[in-house]
Amino acid sequence: QVQLVESGGGTVQAGGSLRLSCAASGRACSSAAMGWFRQAPGKEREFVAAISWSGGRLYYTDSVKGRFTISRDNAKNTVYLQMNTLKPEDTAVYYCAAGGIAATIAGDYHYWGQGTQVTVSS
């Protein structure tokens, strides 16, 4: 079992930055691949970024490439999502997830956090 707790969300103006954190606890959390997803009101949950357990493989959805950076600190069992040059369309609840592989599909992840709200004002 893996427990995930996100933090770092908030309200920021367009062009600003936020860093989300996801603290993991439980068995095998340091060997899990991690992903970030987001869900805006009235929309389906969508993939944002993923990182392999070693940190050697990174994946991003096209709309955040060059603006968002996913990283992890296995000593702290924490995954981060640095978000720069934020846009109003980035507004959503952001969820972190843990699974066996760094995947872009939500169904490939077994554990989910409760989510943290990110609001970008124009």
Protein backbone atom coordinates (compact mmCIF):
# COMPACT_ATOMS: atom_id res chain seq x y z
CA GLN A 1 0.00 0.00 0.00
CA VAL A 2 1.22 3.50 -0.87
CA GLN A 3 -0.20 6.72 0.53
CA LEU A 4 0.24 9.94 -1.42
CA VAL A 5 -0.25 13.50 -0.18
CA GLU A 6 0.01 16.46 -2.54
CA SER A 7 0.79 20.01 -1.50
CA GLY A 8 1.87 23.30 -3.04
CA GLY A 9 -1.24 24.26 -4.94
CA GLY A 10 -2.67 27.75 -4.85
CA THR A 11 -3.63 30.77 -6.91
CA VAL A 12 -1.12 32.51 -9.12
CA GLN A 13 -1.24 35.05 -11.92
CA ALA A 14 -0.53 34.02 -15.49
CA GLY A 15 3.21 33.80 -16.09
CA GLY A 16 3.88 32.83 -12.49
CA SER A 17 5.26 29.63 -10.99
CA LEU A 18 4.27 26.99 -8.48
CA ARG A 19 5.97 23.85 -7.23
CA LEU A 20 3.81 20.90 -6.32
CA SER A 21 5.05 18.20 -3.99
CA CYS A 22 3.81 14.67 -3.51
CA ALA A 23 4.94 12.89 -0.36
CA ALA A 24 4.73 9.12 -0.53
CA SER A 25 4.66 6.65 2.30
CA GLY A 26 4.18 2.93 2.56
CA ARG A 27 5.84 -0.13 1.18
CA ALA A 28 7.84 0.07 -2.06
CA CYS A 29 7.11 3.78 -2.62
CA SER A 30 10.74 4.48 -3.53
CA SER A 31 10.59 1.93 -6.34
CA ALA A 32 7.34 3.15 -7.82
CA ALA A 33 7.01 5.15 -10.99
CA MET A 34 5.19 8.42 -10.36
CA GLY A 35 2.90 10.55 -12.44
CA TRP A 36 1.05 13.84 -12.28
CA PHE A 37 -2.41 14.22 -13.75
CA ARG A 38 -4.87 17.09 -13.71
CA GLN A 39 -8.60 17.54 -14.03
CA ALA A 40 -10.29 20.79 -14.92
CA PRO A 41 -14.01 21.38 -14.23
CA GLY A 42 -16.16 19.55 -16.76
CA LYS A 43 -13.18 17.78 -18.31
CA GLU A 44 -11.65 14.36 -18.04
CA ARG A 45 -8.53 13.70 -16.04
CA GLU A 46 -5.48 14.16 -18.24
CA PHE A 47 -1.86 13.14 -18.08
CA VAL A 48 0.69 15.85 -17.28
CA ALA A 49 4.06 14.24 -16.51
CA ALA A 50 5.63 11.00 -15.35
CA ILE A 51 8.97 9.84 -14.00
CA SER A 52 10.45 6.38 -13.66
CA TRP A 53 11.53 5.06 -10.26
CA SER A 54 15.18 5.87 -11.01
CA GLY A 55 14.38 9.30 -12.44
CA GLY A 56 16.04 8.33 -15.69
CA ARG A 57 12.93 8.46 -17.84
CA LEU A 58 10.70 11.52 -18.01
CA TYR A 59 7.50 12.04 -19.95
CA TYR A 60 5.40 15.17 -20.52
CA THR A 61 2.24 16.02 -22.32
CA ASP A 62 2.91 18.41 -25.20
CA SER A 63 1.11 21.37 -23.64
CA VAL A 64 3.51 21.55 -20.69
CA LYS A 65 6.83 20.71 -22.37
CA GLY A 66 9.38 23.42 -21.70
CA ARG A 67 7.31 24.85 -18.84
CA PHE A 68 6.89 22.00 -16.33
CA THR A 69 9.59 19.80 -14.82
CA ILE A 70 8.99 16.58 -12.92
CA SER A 71 11.64 15.33 -10.49
CA ARG A 72 11.94 13.06 -7.49
CA ASP A 73 13.99 12.69 -4.35
CA ASN A 74 13.86 9.05 -3.36
CA ALA A 75 15.64 9.73 -0.08
CA LYS A 76 12.65 11.89 0.87
CA ASN A 77 10.05 9.75 -0.93
CA THR A 78 8.86 12.91 -2.64
CA VAL A 79 8.03 13.81 -6.21
CA TYR A 80 7.89 17.38 -7.44
CA LEU A 81 6.26 19.20 -10.31
CA GLN A 82 7.84 22.57 -10.99
CA MET A 83 5.42 24.63 -13.03
CA ASN A 84 6.67 27.79 -14.73
CA THR A 85 5.06 30.26 -17.11
CA LEU A 86 1.64 29.16 -15.93
CA LYS A 87 -1.38 29.82 -18.13
CA PRO A 88 -5.08 30.08 -17.25
CA GLU A 89 -5.64 26.79 -19.07
CA ASP A 90 -3.39 25.09 -16.50
CA THR A 91 -6.11 25.65 -13.91
CA ALA A 92 -7.16 22.27 -12.53
CA VAL A 93 -6.95 19.91 -9.60
CA TYR A 94 -3.58 18.21 -9.81
CA TYR A 95 -3.19 14.61 -8.66
CA CYS A 96 -0.09 12.54 -8.15
CA ALA A 97 -0.16 8.82 -8.74
CA ALA A 98 2.10 5.82 -8.17
CA GLY A 99 2.41 2.70 -10.27
CA GLY A 100 4.70 0.06 -11.66
CA ILE A 101 5.76 1.93 -14.79
CA ALA A 102 6.01 5.56 -15.87
CA ALA A 103 2.86 5.69 -17.96
CA THR A 104 0.65 8.28 -19.57
CA ILE A 105 -2.59 6.40 -18.89
CA ALA A 106 -4.35 6.87 -15.58
CA GLY A 107 -5.42 3.24 -15.45
CA ASP A 108 -1.77 2.14 -15.21
CA TYR A 109 -1.44 3.75 -11.78
CA HIS A 110 -2.55 1.97 -8.63
CA TYR A 111 -2.43 4.68 -6.01
CA TRP A 112 -3.66 8.26 -6.05
CA GLY A 113 -3.43 11.32 -3.86
CA GLN A 114 -6.38 13.50 -2.93
CA GLY A 115 -5.41 16.32 -5.28
CA THR A 116 -4.37 19.94 -4.90
CA GLN A 117 -6.04 22.91 -6.59
CA VAL A 118 -4.05 25.10 -8.96
CA THR A 119 -5.74 28.27 -10.18
CA VAL A 120 -4.09 30.58 -12.70
CA SER A 121 -5.71 33.97 -13.13
CA SER A 122 -5.38 36.02 -16.30
